[in-house]
Amino acid sequence: MEWEDIINKIKSMENKILIIGSFQDKCYNAKNLTEIYNKNNIKTYELMNADHSLEINDTIKDIEQLKIILEKIKEFIEEDI
């Protein structure tokens, strides 16, 4: 499935969605993301310098970023509880 297909599928969904990506990930095409930024059911968290596995390749920074990612996931899950 191509990125364009994924974006179209996400745009058509009505359930809550959390997208975590990085602008350095070649698979994360930020120019197409503008179509989903304004959807109320979609939240995004974007890293600046991480690869496709959301790693920066600096162990300490990777751990710090992982803590932030886990907090974003926790906030997302707890939003409607």
C-alpha atoms as a PDB file:
ATOM      1  CA  MET A   1       0.000   0.000   0.000  1.00  0.00           C
ATOM      2  CA  GLU A   2       1.362   3.392  -0.964  1.00  0.00           C
ATOM      3  CA  TRP A   3       1.458   6.440   1.353  1.00  0.00           C
ATOM      4  CA  GLU A   4      -1.245   8.180  -0.684  1.00  0.00           C
ATOM      5  CA  ASP A   5      -3.553   5.182  -0.145  1.00  0.00           C
ATOM      6  CA  ILE A   6      -2.840   5.220   3.584  1.00  0.00           C
ATOM      7  CA  ILE A   7      -3.650   8.939   3.842  1.00  0.00           C
ATOM      8  CA  ASN A   8      -6.911   8.422   1.944  1.00  0.00           C
ATOM      9  CA  LYS A   9      -7.863   5.535   4.239  1.00  0.00           C
ATOM     10  CA  ILE A  10      -7.045   7.564   7.357  1.00  0.00           C
ATOM     11  CA  LYS A  11      -9.061  10.541   6.068  1.00  0.00           C
ATOM     12  CA  SER A  12     -12.111   8.336   5.604  1.00  0.00           C
ATOM     13  CA  MET A  13     -12.011   6.927   9.147  1.00  0.00           C
ATOM     14  CA  GLU A  14     -14.190   8.392  11.890  1.00  0.00           C
ATOM     15  CA  ASN A  15     -12.615   6.763  14.939  1.00  0.00           C
ATOM     16  CA  LYS A  16      -9.849   8.396  16.997  1.00  0.00           C
ATOM     17  CA  ILE A  17      -6.440   8.145  15.375  1.00  0.00           C
ATOM     18  CA  LEU A  18      -2.969   8.931  16.704  1.00  0.00           C
ATOM     19  CA  ILE A  19      -0.195   9.310  14.139  1.00  0.00           C
ATOM     20  CA  ILE A  20       3.402   9.348  15.356  1.00  0.00           C
ATOM     21  CA  GLY A  21       6.013   9.981  12.700  1.00  0.00           C
ATOM     22  CA  SER A  22       9.206  11.757  11.844  1.00  0.00           C
ATOM     23  CA  PHE A  23      10.082  14.212   9.128  1.00  0.00           C
ATOM     24  CA  GLN A  24      13.358  12.300   8.557  1.00  0.00           C
ATOM     25  CA  ASP A  25      11.460   9.084   7.767  1.00  0.00           C
ATOM     26  CA  LYS A  26      11.406   8.613   4.000  1.00  0.00           C
ATOM     27  CA  CYS A  27       8.064   6.789   4.315  1.00  0.00           C
ATOM     28  CA  TYR A  28       6.445   9.703   6.188  1.00  0.00           C
ATOM     29  CA  ASN A  29       5.486  12.111   3.445  1.00  0.00           C
ATOM     30  CA  ALA A  30       4.722  15.334   5.314  1.00  0.00           C
ATOM     31  CA  LYS A  31       3.382  17.222   2.297  1.00  0.00           C
ATOM     32  CA  ASN A  32       0.348  14.913   2.196  1.00  0.00           C
ATOM     33  CA  LEU A  33      -0.275  15.244   5.916  1.00  0.00           C
ATOM     34  CA  THR A  34      -1.844  18.674   5.571  1.00  0.00           C
ATOM     35  CA  GLU A  35      -4.992  16.890   4.450  1.00  0.00           C
ATOM     36  CA  ILE A  36      -5.393  15.247   7.856  1.00  0.00           C
ATOM     37  CA  TYR A  37      -4.175  17.993  10.196  1.00  0.00           C
ATOM     38  CA  ASN A  38      -7.592  19.640  10.329  1.00  0.00           C
ATOM     39  CA  LYS A  39      -9.574  16.490  11.068  1.00  0.00           C
ATOM     40  CA  ASN A  40     -10.840  16.573  14.662  1.00  0.00           C
ATOM     41  CA  ASN A  41     -10.499  12.813  15.183  1.00  0.00           C
ATOM     42  CA  ILE A  42      -6.794  12.747  14.281  1.00  0.00           C
ATOM     43  CA  LYS A  43      -3.930  13.709  16.566  1.00  0.00           C
ATOM     44  CA  THR A  44      -0.338  13.853  15.349  1.00  0.00           C
ATOM     45  CA  TYR A  45       2.997  13.877  17.121  1.00  0.00           C
ATOM     46  CA  GLU A  46       5.963  14.476  14.886  1.00  0.00           C
ATOM     47  CA  LEU A  47       9.632  14.015  15.638  1.00  0.00           C
ATOM     48  CA  MET A  48      12.180  16.091  13.805  1.00  0.00           C
ATOM     49  CA  ASN A  49      15.200  13.815  13.450  1.00  0.00           C
ATOM     50  CA  ALA A  50      14.084  10.222  13.906  1.00  0.00           C
ATOM     51  CA  ASP A  51      14.210   7.431  11.367  1.00  0.00           C
ATOM     52  CA  HIS A  52      11.410   5.019  10.414  1.00  0.00           C
ATOM     53  CA  SER A  53      11.787   3.182  13.737  1.00  0.00           C
ATOM     54  CA  LEU A  54      11.473   6.569  15.533  1.00  0.00           C
ATOM     55  CA  GLU A  55      15.099   6.371  16.636  1.00  0.00           C
ATOM     56  CA  ILE A  56      17.613   9.203  16.525  1.00  0.00           C
ATOM     57  CA  ASN A  57      20.605   6.833  16.878  1.00  0.00           C
ATOM     58  CA  ASP A  58      21.706   8.387  20.149  1.00  0.00           C
ATOM     59  CA  THR A  59      20.790   6.057  23.002  1.00  0.00           C
ATOM     60  CA  ILE A  60      20.043   8.744  25.582  1.00  0.00           C
ATOM     61  CA  LYS A  61      17.997  10.841  23.151  1.00  0.00           C
ATOM     62  CA  ASP A  62      16.190   7.711  21.950  1.00  0.00           C
ATOM     63  CA  ILE A  63      15.173   6.878  25.523  1.00  0.00           C
ATOM     64  CA  GLU A  64      14.058  10.472  26.177  1.00  0.00           C
ATOM     65  CA  GLN A  65      12.040  10.485  22.954  1.00  0.00           C
ATOM     66  CA  LEU A  66      10.514   7.102  23.783  1.00  0.00           C
ATOM     67  CA  LYS A  67       9.335   8.503  27.119  1.00  0.00           C
ATOM     68  CA  ILE A  68       7.625  11.378  25.296  1.00  0.00           C
ATOM     69  CA  ILE A  69       6.051   8.995  22.766  1.00  0.00           C
ATOM     70  CA  LEU A  70       4.702   6.798  25.559  1.00  0.00           C
ATOM     71  CA  GLU A  71       3.269   9.866  27.297  1.00  0.00           C
ATOM     72  CA  LYS A  72       1.564  10.948  24.034  1.00  0.00           C
ATOM     73  CA  ILE A  73       0.057   7.458  23.690  1.00  0.00           C
ATOM     74  CA  LYS A  74      -1.106   7.518  27.316  1.00  0.00           C
ATOM     75  CA  GLU A  75      -2.718  10.963  26.847  1.00  0.00           C
ATOM     76  CA  PHE A  76      -4.420   9.735  23.668  1.00  0.00           C
ATOM     77  CA  ILE A  77      -5.836   6.646  25.378  1.00  0.00           C
ATOM     78  CA  GLU A  78      -6.989   8.561  28.455  1.00  0.00           C
ATOM     79  CA  GLU A  79      -8.638  11.407  26.520  1.00  0.00           C
ATOM     80  CA  ASP A  80     -12.109   9.896  26.514  1.00  0.00           C
ATOM     81  CA  ILE A  81     -11.963   7.887  29.726  1.00  0.00           C
END
